[in-house]
């Protein structure tokens, strides 16, 4: 599934949540509410990962998949609500990271005393 399709599906669920929240609570979520919800999902994901690593009672593979999808939904909706072109931002960020990491790897290939790592930094 392409990112654009994931975003379309995420926004459709977002819109349904808005309708449900209006009916039940008389208001829709603000952007900050989505951040708080995301933080809760990340906490849930951390517990599930701990279980997967044998550090807590297990929740199972289905729980891991569900929570990863919840977190992805939150990221997609936060990008939507803040007007971020996530695909462009992701490509740009990956290019920046690639450049930075490649520079560090190249620096590590130099003999001691040369390059960034050995320049007395």
PDB file of N, CA and C in Angstrom:
ATOM      1  N   UNK A   1       0.845  -1.176   0.000  1.00  0.00           N
ATOM      2  CA  UNK A   1       0.000   0.000   0.000  1.00  0.00           C
ATOM      3  C   UNK A   1       0.890   1.237   0.000  1.00  0.00           C
ATOM      4  N   UNK A   2       0.577   2.168  -0.847  1.00  0.00           N
ATOM      5  CA  UNK A   2       1.338   3.416  -0.942  1.00  0.00           C
ATOM      6  C   UNK A   2       0.971   4.360   0.205  1.00  0.00           C
ATOM      7  N   UNK A   3       1.875   5.272   0.503  1.00  0.00           N
ATOM      8  CA  UNK A   3       1.654   6.236   1.581  1.00  0.00           C
ATOM      9  C   UNK A   3       0.376   7.045   1.364  1.00  0.00           C
ATOM     10  N   UNK A   4       0.116   7.448   0.137  1.00  0.00           N
ATOM     11  CA  UNK A   4      -1.086   8.243  -0.145  1.00  0.00           C
ATOM     12  C   UNK A   4      -2.356   7.472   0.213  1.00  0.00           C
ATOM     13  N   UNK A   5      -2.369   6.173  -0.053  1.00  0.00           N
ATOM     14  CA  UNK A   5      -3.530   5.347   0.290  1.00  0.00           C
ATOM     15  C   UNK A   5      -3.653   5.186   1.801  1.00  0.00           C
ATOM     16  N   UNK A   6      -2.522   4.998   2.481  1.00  0.00           N
ATOM     17  CA  UNK A   6      -2.552   4.908   3.946  1.00  0.00           C
ATOM     18  C   UNK A   6      -3.093   6.201   4.545  1.00  0.00           C
ATOM     19  N   UNK A   7      -2.649   7.329   4.011  1.00  0.00           N
ATOM     20  CA  UNK A   7      -3.128   8.616   4.504  1.00  0.00           C
ATOM     21  C   UNK A   7      -4.629   8.765   4.270  1.00  0.00           C
ATOM     22  N   UNK A   8      -5.099   8.357   3.101  1.00  0.00           N
ATOM     23  CA  UNK A   8      -6.529   8.439   2.804  1.00  0.00           C
ATOM     24  C   UNK A   8      -7.342   7.615   3.804  1.00  0.00           C
ATOM     25  N   UNK A   9      -6.892   6.397   4.074  1.00  0.00           N
ATOM     26  CA  UNK A   9      -7.579   5.553   5.047  1.00  0.00           C
ATOM     27  C   UNK A   9      -7.517   6.149   6.451  1.00  0.00           C
ATOM     28  N   UNK A  10      -6.358   6.669   6.813  1.00  0.00           N
ATOM     29  CA  UNK A  10      -6.195   7.276   8.142  1.00  0.00           C
ATOM     30  C   UNK A  10      -7.126   8.469   8.318  1.00  0.00           C
ATOM     31  N   UNK A  11      -7.230   9.311   7.296  1.00  0.00           N
ATOM     32  CA  UNK A  11      -8.100  10.489   7.377  1.00  0.00           C
ATOM     33  C   UNK A  11      -9.570  10.072   7.443  1.00  0.00           C
ATOM     34  N   UNK A  12      -9.935   9.018   6.749  1.00  0.00           N
ATOM     35  CA  UNK A  12     -11.319   8.533   6.816  1.00  0.00           C
ATOM     36  C   UNK A  12     -11.663   8.116   8.247  1.00  0.00           C
ATOM     37  N   UNK A  13     -10.748   7.434   8.925  1.00  0.00           N
ATOM     38  CA  UNK A  13     -10.971   7.058  10.324  1.00  0.00           C
ATOM     39  C   UNK A  13     -10.967   8.302  11.211  1.00  0.00           C
ATOM     40  N   UNK A  14     -10.066   9.224  10.947  1.00  0.00           N
ATOM     41  CA  UNK A  14     -10.027  10.503  11.667  1.00  0.00           C
ATOM     42  C   UNK A  14     -11.388  11.194  11.604  1.00  0.00           C
ATOM     43  N   UNK A  15     -11.953  11.256  10.411  1.00  0.00           N
ATOM     44  CA  UNK A  15     -13.243  11.919  10.231  1.00  0.00           C
ATOM     45  C   UNK A  15     -14.349  11.207  10.999  1.00  0.00           C
ATOM     46  N   UNK A  16     -14.314   9.881  11.032  1.00  0.00           N
ATOM     47  CA  UNK A  16     -15.303   9.133  11.804  1.00  0.00           C
ATOM     48  C   UNK A  16     -15.133   9.384  13.299  1.00  0.00           C
ATOM     49  N   UNK A  17     -13.885   9.452  13.760  1.00  0.00           N
ATOM     50  CA  UNK A  17     -13.651   9.803  15.167  1.00  0.00           C
ATOM     51  C   UNK A  17     -14.212  11.189  15.472  1.00  0.00           C
ATOM     52  N   UNK A  18     -14.017  12.135  14.563  1.00  0.00           N
ATOM     53  CA  UNK A  18     -14.587  13.471  14.766  1.00  0.00           C
ATOM     54  C   UNK A  18     -16.098  13.394  14.946  1.00  0.00           C
ATOM     55  N   UNK A  19     -16.759  12.642  14.085  1.00  0.00           N
ATOM     56  CA  UNK A  19     -18.214  12.501  14.172  1.00  0.00           C
ATOM     57  C   UNK A  19     -18.623  11.854  15.496  1.00  0.00           C
ATOM     58  N   UNK A  20     -17.926  10.803  15.884  1.00  0.00           N
ATOM     59  CA  UNK A  20     -18.222  10.110  17.134  1.00  0.00           C
ATOM     60  C   UNK A  20     -17.994  11.024  18.336  1.00  0.00           C
ATOM     61  N   UNK A  21     -16.874  11.733  18.342  1.00  0.00           N
ATOM     62  CA  UNK A  21     -16.573  12.637  19.455  1.00  0.00           C
ATOM     63  C   UNK A  21     -17.564  13.790  19.541  1.00  0.00           C
ATOM     64  N   UNK A  22     -18.005  14.293  18.405  1.00  0.00           N
ATOM     65  CA  UNK A  22     -19.034  15.345  18.421  1.00  0.00           C
ATOM     66  C   UNK A  22     -20.323  14.833  19.052  1.00  0.00           C
ATOM     67  N   UNK A  23     -20.715  13.635  18.693  1.00  0.00           N
ATOM     68  CA  UNK A  23     -21.947  13.052  19.245  1.00  0.00           C
ATOM     69  C   UNK A  23     -21.828  12.777  20.730  1.00  0.00           C
ATOM     70  N   UNK A  24     -20.726  12.202  21.134  1.00  0.00           N
ATOM     71  CA  UNK A  24     -20.592  11.745  22.520  1.00  0.00           C
ATOM     72  C   UNK A  24     -20.055  12.807  23.478  1.00  0.00           C
ATOM     73  N   UNK A  25     -19.215  13.703  22.970  1.00  0.00           N
ATOM     74  CA  UNK A  25     -18.538  14.661  23.855  1.00  0.00           C
ATOM     75  C   UNK A  25     -18.789  16.119  23.484  1.00  0.00           C
ATOM     76  N   UNK A  26     -19.416  16.327  22.345  1.00  0.00           N
ATOM     77  CA  UNK A  26     -19.720  17.684  21.917  1.00  0.00           C
ATOM     78  C   UNK A  26     -18.542  18.448  21.356  1.00  0.00           C
ATOM     79  N   UNK A  27     -17.448  17.759  21.084  1.00  0.00           N
ATOM     80  CA  UNK A  27     -16.270  18.411  20.503  1.00  0.00           C
ATOM     81  C   UNK A  27     -15.401  17.391  19.810  1.00  0.00           C
ATOM     82  N   UNK A  28     -14.582  17.879  18.895  1.00  0.00           N
ATOM     83  CA  UNK A  28     -13.604  17.015  18.225  1.00  0.00           C
ATOM     84  C   UNK A  28     -12.262  17.190  18.919  1.00  0.00           C
ATOM     85  N   UNK A  29     -11.370  16.276  18.637  1.00  0.00           N
ATOM     86  CA  UNK A  29     -10.036  16.364  19.216  1.00  0.00           C
ATOM     87  C   UNK A  29      -9.258  17.513  18.594  1.00  0.00           C
ATOM     88  N   UNK A  30      -8.515  18.221  19.434  1.00  0.00           N
ATOM     89  CA  UNK A  30      -7.547  19.221  18.976  1.00  0.00           C
ATOM     90  C   UNK A  30      -6.261  18.492  18.579  1.00  0.00           C
ATOM     91  N   UNK A  31      -5.385  19.206  17.909  1.00  0.00           N
ATOM     92  CA  UNK A  31      -4.117  18.581  17.512  1.00  0.00           C
ATOM     93  C   UNK A  31      -3.365  18.054  18.728  1.00  0.00           C
ATOM     94  N   UNK A  32      -3.404  18.789  19.825  1.00  0.00           N
ATOM     95  CA  UNK A  32      -2.702  18.340  21.031  1.00  0.00           C
ATOM     96  C   UNK A  32      -3.295  17.042  21.586  1.00  0.00           C
ATOM     97  N   UNK A  33      -4.600  16.834  21.390  1.00  0.00           N
ATOM     98  CA  UNK A  33      -5.211  15.577  21.819  1.00  0.00           C
ATOM     99  C   UNK A  33      -4.626  14.398  21.045  1.00  0.00           C
ATOM    100  N   UNK A  34      -4.353  14.612  19.767  1.00  0.00           N
ATOM    101  CA  UNK A  34      -3.746  13.548  18.966  1.00  0.00           C
ATOM    102  C   UNK A  34      -2.330  13.250  19.430  1.00  0.00           C
ATOM    103  N   UNK A  35      -1.599  14.274  19.832  1.00  0.00           N
ATOM    104  CA  UNK A  35      -0.252  14.056  20.364  1.00  0.00           C
ATOM    105  C   UNK A  35      -0.339  13.242  21.649  1.00  0.00           C
ATOM    106  N   UNK A  36      -1.271  13.603  22.523  1.00  0.00           N
ATOM    107  CA  UNK A  36      -1.430  12.856  23.773  1.00  0.00           C
ATOM    108  C   UNK A  36      -1.849  11.412  23.510  1.00  0.00           C
ATOM    109  N   UNK A  37      -2.745  11.203  22.562  1.00  0.00           N
ATOM    110  CA  UNK A  37      -3.131   9.847  22.196  1.00  0.00           C
ATOM    111  C   UNK A  37      -1.951   9.056  21.649  1.00  0.00           C
ATOM    112  N   UNK A  38      -1.132   9.715  20.836  1.00  0.00           N
ATOM    113  CA  UNK A  38       0.061   9.076  20.283  1.00  0.00           C
ATOM    114  C   UNK A  38       1.012   8.659  21.401  1.00  0.00           C
ATOM    115  N   UNK A  39       1.184   9.528  22.377  1.00  0.00           N
ATOM    116  CA  UNK A  39       2.069   9.202  23.499  1.00  0.00           C
ATOM    117  C   UNK A  39       1.558   7.963  24.242  1.00  0.00           C
ATOM    118  N   UNK A  40       0.247   7.864  24.415  1.00  0.00           N
ATOM    119  CA  UNK A  40      -0.318   6.669  25.036  1.00  0.00           C
ATOM    120  C   UNK A  40      -0.056   5.428  24.206  1.00  0.00           C
ATOM    121  N   UNK A  41      -0.214   5.559  22.877  1.00  0.00           N
ATOM    122  CA  UNK A  41       0.056   4.427  21.981  1.00  0.00           C
ATOM    123  C   UNK A  41       1.524   4.014  22.036  1.00  0.00           C
ATOM    124  N   UNK A  42       2.427   4.979  22.103  1.00  0.00           N
ATOM    125  CA  UNK A  42       3.860   4.663  22.190  1.00  0.00           C
ATOM    126  C   UNK A  42       4.145   3.936  23.504  1.00  0.00           C
ATOM    127  N   UNK A  43       3.511   4.370  24.587  1.00  0.00           N
ATOM    128  CA  UNK A  43       3.670   3.673  25.865  1.00  0.00           C
ATOM    129  C   UNK A  43       3.172   2.241  25.782  1.00  0.00           C
ATOM    130  N   UNK A  44       2.012   2.048  25.145  1.00  0.00           N
ATOM    131  CA  UNK A  44       1.491   0.695  24.952  1.00  0.00           C
ATOM    132  C   UNK A  44       2.446  -0.146  24.109  1.00  0.00           C
ATOM    133  N   UNK A  45       2.992   0.470  23.067  1.00  0.00           N
ATOM    134  CA  UNK A  45       3.946  -0.236  22.208  1.00  0.00           C
ATOM    135  C   UNK A  45       5.181  -0.650  23.005  1.00  0.00           C
ATOM    136  N   UNK A  46       5.670   0.234  23.854  1.00  0.00           N
ATOM    137  CA  UNK A  46       6.847  -0.087  24.668  1.00  0.00           C
ATOM    138  C   UNK A  46       6.581  -1.302  25.552  1.00  0.00           C
ATOM    139  N   UNK A  47       5.396  -1.378  26.143  1.00  0.00           N
ATOM    140  CA  UNK A  47       5.056  -2.530  26.987  1.00  0.00           C
ATOM    141  C   UNK A  47       5.000  -3.816  26.171  1.00  0.00           C
ATOM    142  N   UNK A  48       4.436  -3.721  24.978  1.00  0.00           N
ATOM    143  CA  UNK A  48       4.335  -4.908  24.116  1.00  0.00           C
ATOM    144  C   UNK A  48       5.720  -5.360  23.668  1.00  0.00           C
ATOM    145  N   UNK A  49       6.595  -4.408  23.333  1.00  0.00           N
ATOM    146  CA  UNK A  49       7.962  -4.764  22.943  1.00  0.00           C
ATOM    147  C   UNK A  49       8.684  -5.422  24.116  1.00  0.00           C
ATOM    148  N   UNK A  50       8.471  -4.899  25.319  1.00  0.00           N
ATOM    149  CA  UNK A  50       9.072  -5.530  26.496  1.00  0.00           C
ATOM    150  C   UNK A  50       8.586  -6.974  26.635  1.00  0.00           C
ATOM    151  N   UNK A  51       7.303  -7.189  26.366  1.00  0.00           N
ATOM    152  CA  UNK A  51       6.757  -8.549  26.419  1.00  0.00           C
ATOM    153  C   UNK A  51       7.394  -9.424  25.344  1.00  0.00           C
ATOM    154  N   UNK A  52       7.563  -8.872  24.154  1.00  0.00           N
ATOM    155  CA  UNK A  52       8.193  -9.628  23.063  1.00  0.00           C
ATOM    156  C   UNK A  52       9.633 -10.009  23.414  1.00  0.00           C
ATOM    157  N   UNK A  53      10.281  -9.181  24.229  1.00  0.00           N
ATOM    158  CA  UNK A  53      11.665  -9.447  24.642  1.00  0.00           C
ATOM    159  C   UNK A  53      11.738 -10.282  25.917  1.00  0.00           C
ATOM    160  N   UNK A  54      10.572 -10.728  26.428  1.00  0.00           N
ATOM    161  CA  UNK A  54      10.544 -11.580  27.605  1.00  0.00           C
ATOM    162  C   UNK A  54      10.664 -10.856  28.930  1.00  0.00           C
ATOM    163  N   UNK A  55      10.470  -9.541  28.935  1.00  0.00           N
ATOM    164  CA  UNK A  55      10.619  -8.756  30.157  1.00  0.00           C
ATOM    165  C   UNK A  55       9.300  -8.503  30.876  1.00  0.00           C
ATOM    166  N   UNK A  56       8.192  -8.856  30.244  1.00  0.00           N
ATOM    167  CA  UNK A  56       6.854  -8.700  30.817  1.00  0.00           C
ATOM    168  C   UNK A  56       6.019  -9.885  30.338  1.00  0.00           C
ATOM    169  N   UNK A  57       4.873 -10.077  30.970  1.00  0.00           N
ATOM    170  CA  UNK A  57       3.964 -11.097  30.424  1.00  0.00           C
ATOM    171  C   UNK A  57       3.596 -10.756  28.984  1.00  0.00           C
ATOM    172  N   UNK A  58       3.465 -11.748  28.147  1.00  0.00           N
ATOM    173  CA  UNK A  58       3.264 -11.552  26.716  1.00  0.00           C
ATOM    174  C   UNK A  58       1.889 -11.077  26.333  1.00  0.00           C
ATOM    175  N   UNK A  59       1.856 -10.294  25.264  1.00  0.00           N
ATOM    176  CA  UNK A  59       0.600  -9.816  24.697  1.00  0.00           C
ATOM    177  C   UNK A  59       0.357 -10.446  23.330  1.00  0.00           C
ATOM    178  N   UNK A  60       1.395 -10.948  22.691  1.00  0.00           N
ATOM    179  CA  UNK A  60       1.243 -11.627  21.414  1.00  0.00           C
ATOM    180  C   UNK A  60       1.513 -10.763  20.201  1.00  0.00           C
ATOM    181  N   UNK A  61       1.714 -11.456  19.096  1.00  0.00           N
ATOM    182  CA  UNK A  61       2.044 -10.815  17.822  1.00  0.00           C
ATOM    183  C   UNK A  61       0.934  -9.881  17.350  1.00  0.00           C
ATOM    184  N   UNK A  62      -0.316 -10.286  17.523  1.00  0.00           N
ATOM    185  CA  UNK A  62      -1.445  -9.449  17.080  1.00  0.00           C
ATOM    186  C   UNK A  62      -1.443  -8.109  17.803  1.00  0.00           C
ATOM    187  N   UNK A  63      -1.094  -8.114  19.082  1.00  0.00           N
ATOM    188  CA  UNK A  63      -1.044  -6.863  19.848  1.00  0.00           C
ATOM    189  C   UNK A  63       0.074  -5.960  19.324  1.00  0.00           C
ATOM    190  N   UNK A  64       1.219  -6.545  18.996  1.00  0.00           N
ATOM    191  CA  UNK A  64       2.336  -5.769  18.439  1.00  0.00           C
ATOM    192  C   UNK A  64       1.940  -5.138  17.112  1.00  0.00           C
ATOM    193  N   UNK A  65       1.342  -5.928  16.244  1.00  0.00           N
ATOM    194  CA  UNK A  65       0.915  -5.402  14.944  1.00  0.00           C
ATOM    195  C   UNK A  65      -0.115  -4.288  15.108  1.00  0.00           C
ATOM    196  N   UNK A  66      -1.081  -4.499  15.996  1.00  0.00           N
ATOM    197  CA  UNK A  66      -2.114  -3.503  16.235  1.00  0.00           C
ATOM    198  C   UNK A  66      -1.513  -2.190  16.739  1.00  0.00           C
ATOM    199  N   UNK A  67      -0.611  -2.275  17.707  1.00  0.00           N
ATOM    200  CA  UNK A  67      -0.056  -1.052  18.295  1.00  0.00           C
ATOM    201  C   UNK A  67       0.859  -0.324  17.320  1.00  0.00           C
ATOM    202  N   UNK A  68       1.621  -1.061  16.510  1.00  0.00           N
ATOM    203  CA  UNK A  68       2.428  -0.407  15.474  1.00  0.00           C
ATOM    204  C   UNK A  68       1.522   0.324  14.485  1.00  0.00           C
ATOM    205  N   UNK A  69       0.414  -0.302  14.109  1.00  0.00           N
ATOM    206  CA  UNK A  69      -0.532   0.349  13.192  1.00  0.00           C
ATOM    207  C   UNK A  69      -1.170   1.568  13.844  1.00  0.00           C
ATOM    208  N   UNK A  70      -1.504   1.488  15.137  1.00  0.00           N
ATOM    209  CA  UNK A  70      -2.036   2.654  15.855  1.00  0.00           C
ATOM    210  C   UNK A  70      -1.038   3.812  15.827  1.00  0.00           C
ATOM    211  N   UNK A  71       0.228   3.498  16.084  1.00  0.00           N
ATOM    212  CA  UNK A  71       1.259   4.540  16.085  1.00  0.00           C
ATOM    213  C   UNK A  71       1.417   5.149  14.698  1.00  0.00           C
ATOM    214  N   UNK A  72       1.398   4.317  13.667  1.00  0.00           N
ATOM    215  CA  UNK A  72       1.489   4.830  12.308  1.00  0.00           C
ATOM    216  C   UNK A  72       0.297   5.722  11.994  1.00  0.00           C
ATOM    217  N   UNK A  73      -0.899   5.308  12.404  1.00  0.00           N
ATOM    218  CA  UNK A  73      -2.097   6.129  12.204  1.00  0.00           C
ATOM    219  C   UNK A  73      -1.911   7.498  12.852  1.00  0.00           C
ATOM    220  N   UNK A  74      -1.408   7.506  14.069  1.00  0.00           N
ATOM    221  CA  UNK A  74      -1.205   8.776  14.770  1.00  0.00           C
ATOM    222  C   UNK A  74      -0.219   9.672  14.030  1.00  0.00           C
ATOM    223  N   UNK A  75       0.868   9.102  13.553  1.00  0.00           N
ATOM    224  CA  UNK A  75       1.856   9.890  12.813  1.00  0.00           C
ATOM    225  C   UNK A  75       1.232  10.453  11.535  1.00  0.00           C
ATOM    226  N   UNK A  76       0.490   9.627  10.824  1.00  0.00           N
ATOM    227  CA  UNK A  76      -0.171  10.094   9.599  1.00  0.00           C
ATOM    228  C   UNK A  76      -1.146  11.228   9.904  1.00  0.00           C
ATOM    229  N   UNK A  77      -1.920  11.102  10.961  1.00  0.00           N
ATOM    230  CA  UNK A  77      -2.908  12.129  11.303  1.00  0.00           C
ATOM    231  C   UNK A  77      -2.223  13.393  11.806  1.00  0.00           C
ATOM    232  N   UNK A  78      -1.172  13.262  12.575  1.00  0.00           N
ATOM    233  CA  UNK A  78      -0.447  14.470  13.007  1.00  0.00           C
ATOM    234  C   UNK A  78       0.123  15.211  11.804  1.00  0.00           C
ATOM    235  N   UNK A  79       0.672  14.482  10.848  1.00  0.00           N
ATOM    236  CA  UNK A  79       1.166  15.129   9.627  1.00  0.00           C
ATOM    237  C   UNK A  79       0.023  15.818   8.897  1.00  0.00           C
ATOM    238  N   UNK A  80      -1.100  15.148   8.789  1.00  0.00           N
ATOM    239  CA  UNK A  80      -2.289  15.731   8.138  1.00  0.00           C
ATOM    240  C   UNK A  80      -2.759  16.985   8.869  1.00  0.00           C
ATOM    241  N   UNK A  81      -2.871  16.908  10.183  1.00  0.00           N
ATOM    242  CA  UNK A  81      -3.386  18.039  10.961  1.00  0.00           C
ATOM    243  C   UNK A  81      -2.432  19.233  10.975  1.00  0.00           C
ATOM    244  N   UNK A  82      -1.134  18.982  10.815  1.00  0.00           N
ATOM    245  CA  UNK A  82      -0.152  20.071  10.782  1.00  0.00           C
ATOM    246  C   UNK A  82       0.255  20.459   9.367  1.00  0.00           C
ATOM    247  N   UNK A  83      -0.355  19.843   8.376  1.00  0.00           N
ATOM    248  CA  UNK A  83      -0.060  20.202   6.996  1.00  0.00           C
ATOM    249  C   UNK A  83       1.331  19.821   6.543  1.00  0.00           C
ATOM    250  N   UNK A  84       1.842  18.714   7.040  1.00  0.00           N
ATOM    251  CA  UNK A  84       3.182  18.248   6.678  1.00  0.00           C
ATOM    252  C   UNK A  84       3.065  17.236   5.537  1.00  0.00           C
ATOM    253  N   UNK A  85       3.816  17.465   4.480  1.00  0.00           N
ATOM    254  CA  UNK A  85       3.920  16.487   3.396  1.00  0.00           C
ATOM    255  C   UNK A  85       4.887  15.422   3.894  1.00  0.00           C
ATOM    256  N   UNK A  86       4.327  14.371   4.469  1.00  0.00           N
ATOM    257  CA  UNK A  86       5.127  13.361   5.140  1.00  0.00           C
ATOM    258  C   UNK A  86       6.078  12.647   4.188  1.00  0.00           C
ATOM    259  N   UNK A  87       5.635  12.402   2.967  1.00  0.00           N
ATOM    260  CA  UNK A  87       6.503  11.723   2.007  1.00  0.00           C
ATOM    261  C   UNK A  87       7.743  12.563   1.718  1.00  0.00           C
ATOM    262  N   UNK A  88       7.556  13.858   1.459  1.00  0.00           N
ATOM    263  CA  UNK A  88       8.700  14.743   1.195  1.00  0.00           C
ATOM    264  C   UNK A  88       9.588  14.880   2.424  1.00  0.00           C
ATOM    265  N   UNK A  89       8.953  15.032   3.582  1.00  0.00           N
ATOM    266  CA  UNK A  89       9.724  15.178   4.819  1.00  0.00           C
ATOM    267  C   UNK A  89      10.536  13.922   5.098  1.00  0.00           C
ATOM    268  N   UNK A  90       9.938  12.760   4.856  1.00  0.00           N
ATOM    269  CA  UNK A  90      10.634  11.498   5.076  1.00  0.00           C
ATOM    270  C   UNK A  90      11.824  11.365   4.129  1.00  0.00           C
ATOM    271  N   UNK A  91      11.594  11.640   2.851  1.00  0.00           N
ATOM    272  CA  UNK A  91      12.701  11.556   1.875  1.00  0.00           C
ATOM    273  C   UNK A  91      13.838  12.506   2.252  1.00  0.00           C
ATOM    274  N   UNK A  92      13.485  13.733   2.612  1.00  0.00           N
ATOM    275  CA  UNK A  92      14.489  14.737   2.978  1.00  0.00           C
ATOM    276  C   UNK A  92      15.261  14.301   4.225  1.00  0.00           C
ATOM    277  N   UNK A  93      14.536  13.821   5.228  1.00  0.00           N
ATOM    278  CA  UNK A  93      15.176  13.406   6.473  1.00  0.00           C
ATOM    279  C   UNK A  93      16.082  12.200   6.250  1.00  0.00           C
ATOM    280  N   UNK A  94      15.638  11.244   5.454  1.00  0.00           N
ATOM    281  CA  UNK A  94      16.479  10.073   5.170  1.00  0.00           C
ATOM    282  C   UNK A  94      17.740  10.477   4.415  1.00  0.00           C
ATOM    283  N   UNK A  95      17.614  11.438   3.486  1.00  0.00           N
ATOM    284  CA  UNK A  95      18.793  11.924   2.749  1.00  0.00           C
ATOM    285  C   UNK A  95      19.768  12.615   3.707  1.00  0.00           C
ATOM    286  N   UNK A  96      19.237  13.411   4.636  1.00  0.00           N
ATOM    287  CA  UNK A  96      20.089  14.085   5.627  1.00  0.00           C
ATOM    288  C   UNK A  96      20.792  13.068   6.513  1.00  0.00           C
ATOM    289  N   UNK A  97      20.047  12.070   6.975  1.00  0.00           N
ATOM    290  CA  UNK A  97      20.648  11.033   7.818  1.00  0.00           C
ATOM    291  C   UNK A  97      21.695  10.235   7.047  1.00  0.00           C
ATOM    292  N   UNK A  98      21.400   9.913   5.801  1.00  0.00           N
ATOM    293  CA  UNK A  98      22.351   9.178   4.979  1.00  0.00           C
ATOM    294  C   UNK A  98      23.652   9.962   4.841  1.00  0.00           C
ATOM    295  N   UNK A  99      23.553  11.237   4.573  1.00  0.00           N
ATOM    296  CA  UNK A  99      24.744  12.080   4.434  1.00  0.00           C
ATOM    297  C   UNK A  99      25.532  12.125   5.736  1.00  0.00           C
ATOM    298  N   UNK A 100      24.832  12.330   6.859  1.00  0.00           N
ATOM    299  CA  UNK A 100      25.508  12.432   8.154  1.00  0.00           C
ATOM    300  C   UNK A 100      26.167  11.120   8.553  1.00  0.00           C
ATOM    301  N   UNK A 101      25.460  10.004   8.368  1.00  0.00           N
ATOM    302  CA  UNK A 101      26.009   8.710   8.758  1.00  0.00           C
ATOM    303  C   UNK A 101      27.160   8.311   7.842  1.00  0.00           C
ATOM    304  N   UNK A 102      27.017   8.574   6.549  1.00  0.00           N
ATOM    305  CA  UNK A 102      28.095   8.266   5.606  1.00  0.00           C
ATOM    306  C   UNK A 102      29.348   9.052   5.970  1.00  0.00           C
ATOM    307  N   UNK A 103      29.188  10.314   6.339  1.00  0.00           N
ATOM    308  CA  UNK A 103      30.340  11.123   6.737  1.00  0.00           C
ATOM    309  C   UNK A 103      31.012  10.534   7.973  1.00  0.00           C
ATOM    310  N   UNK A 104      30.221  10.074   8.921  1.00  0.00           N
ATOM    311  CA  UNK A 104      30.799   9.470  10.127  1.00  0.00           C
ATOM    312  C   UNK A 104      31.499   8.154   9.797  1.00  0.00           C
ATOM    313  N   UNK A 105      30.888   7.346   8.937  1.00  0.00           N
ATOM    314  CA  UNK A 105      31.529   6.089   8.538  1.00  0.00           C
ATOM    315  C   UNK A 105      32.837   6.357   7.794  1.00  0.00           C
ATOM    316  N   UNK A 106      32.818   7.350   6.907  1.00  0.00           N
ATOM    317  CA  UNK A 106      34.036   7.701   6.180  1.00  0.00           C
ATOM    318  C   UNK A 106      35.110   8.194   7.143  1.00  0.00           C
ATOM    319  N   UNK A 107      34.712   8.952   8.151  1.00  0.00           N
ATOM    320  CA  UNK A 107      35.647   9.458   9.144  1.00  0.00           C
ATOM    321  C   UNK A 107      36.250   8.316   9.953  1.00  0.00           C
ATOM    322  N   UNK A 108      35.431   7.309  10.260  1.00  0.00           N
ATOM    323  CA  UNK A 108      35.913   6.152  11.019  1.00  0.00           C
ATOM    324  C   UNK A 108      36.908   5.320  10.216  1.00  0.00           C
ATOM    325  N   UNK A 109      36.863   5.434   8.886  1.00  0.00           N
ATOM    326  CA  UNK A 109      37.775   4.672   8.033  1.00  0.00           C
ATOM    327  C   UNK A 109      39.173   5.285   7.994  1.00  0.00           C
ATOM    328  N   UNK A 110      39.310   6.517   8.491  1.00  0.00           N
ATOM    329  CA  UNK A 110      40.610   7.181   8.452  1.00  0.00           C
ATOM    330  C   UNK A 110      41.475   6.687   9.616  1.00  0.00           C
ATOM    331  N   UNK A 111      42.787   6.702   9.417  1.00  0.00           N
ATOM    332  CA  UNK A 111      43.695   6.283  10.500  1.00  0.00           C
ATOM    333  C   UNK A 111      43.533   7.202  11.716  1.00  0.00           C
ATOM    334  N   UNK A 112      43.854   6.706  12.925  1.00  0.00           N
ATOM    335  CA  UNK A 112      43.769   7.543  14.136  1.00  0.00           C
ATOM    336  C   UNK A 112      44.561   8.831  13.944  1.00  0.00           C
ATOM    337  N   UNK A 113      43.993   9.912  14.501  1.00  0.00           N
ATOM    338  CA  UNK A 113      44.673  11.200  14.410  1.00  0.00           C
ATOM    339  C   UNK A 113      44.214  12.028  13.219  1.00  0.00           C
ATOM    340  N   UNK A 114      43.390  11.442  12.347  1.00  0.00           N
ATOM    341  CA  UNK A 114      42.891  12.159  11.181  1.00  0.00           C
ATOM    342  C   UNK A 114      41.376  12.162  11.211  1.00  0.00           C
ATOM    343  N   UNK A 115      40.806  13.097  10.524  1.00  0.00           N
ATOM    344  CA  UNK A 115      39.357  13.138  10.403  1.00  0.00           C
ATOM    345  C   UNK A 115      38.682  13.630  11.659  1.00  0.00           C
ATOM    346  N   UNK A 116      37.376  13.567  11.638  1.00  0.00           N
ATOM    347  CA  UNK A 116      36.535  14.107  12.706  1.00  0.00           C
ATOM    348  C   UNK A 116      36.810  13.456  14.046  1.00  0.00           C
ATOM    349  N   UNK A 117      36.840  12.110  14.100  1.00  0.00           N
ATOM    350  CA  UNK A 117      36.954  11.398  15.355  1.00  0.00           C
ATOM    351  C   UNK A 117      38.321  11.628  16.008  1.00  0.00           C
ATOM    352  N   UNK A 118      39.364  11.789  15.214  1.00  0.00           N
ATOM    353  CA  UNK A 118      40.700  11.939  15.783  1.00  0.00           C
ATOM    354  C   UNK A 118      41.210  13.354  15.795  1.00  0.00           C
ATOM    355  N   UNK A 119      40.358  14.337  15.515  1.00  0.00           N
ATOM    356  CA  UNK A 119      40.812  15.714  15.404  1.00  0.00           C
ATOM    357  C   UNK A 119      40.764  16.445  16.736  1.00  0.00           C
ATOM    358  N   UNK A 120      40.701  15.711  17.825  1.00  0.00           N
ATOM    359  CA  UNK A 120      40.688  16.353  19.136  1.00  0.00           C
ATOM    360  C   UNK A 120      39.325  16.866  19.536  1.00  0.00           C
ATOM    361  N   UNK A 121      38.283  16.348  18.918  1.00  0.00           N
ATOM    362  CA  UNK A 121      36.930  16.792  19.228  1.00  0.00           C
ATOM    363  C   UNK A 121      36.485  16.280  20.572  1.00  0.00           C
TER     364      UNK A 121
END
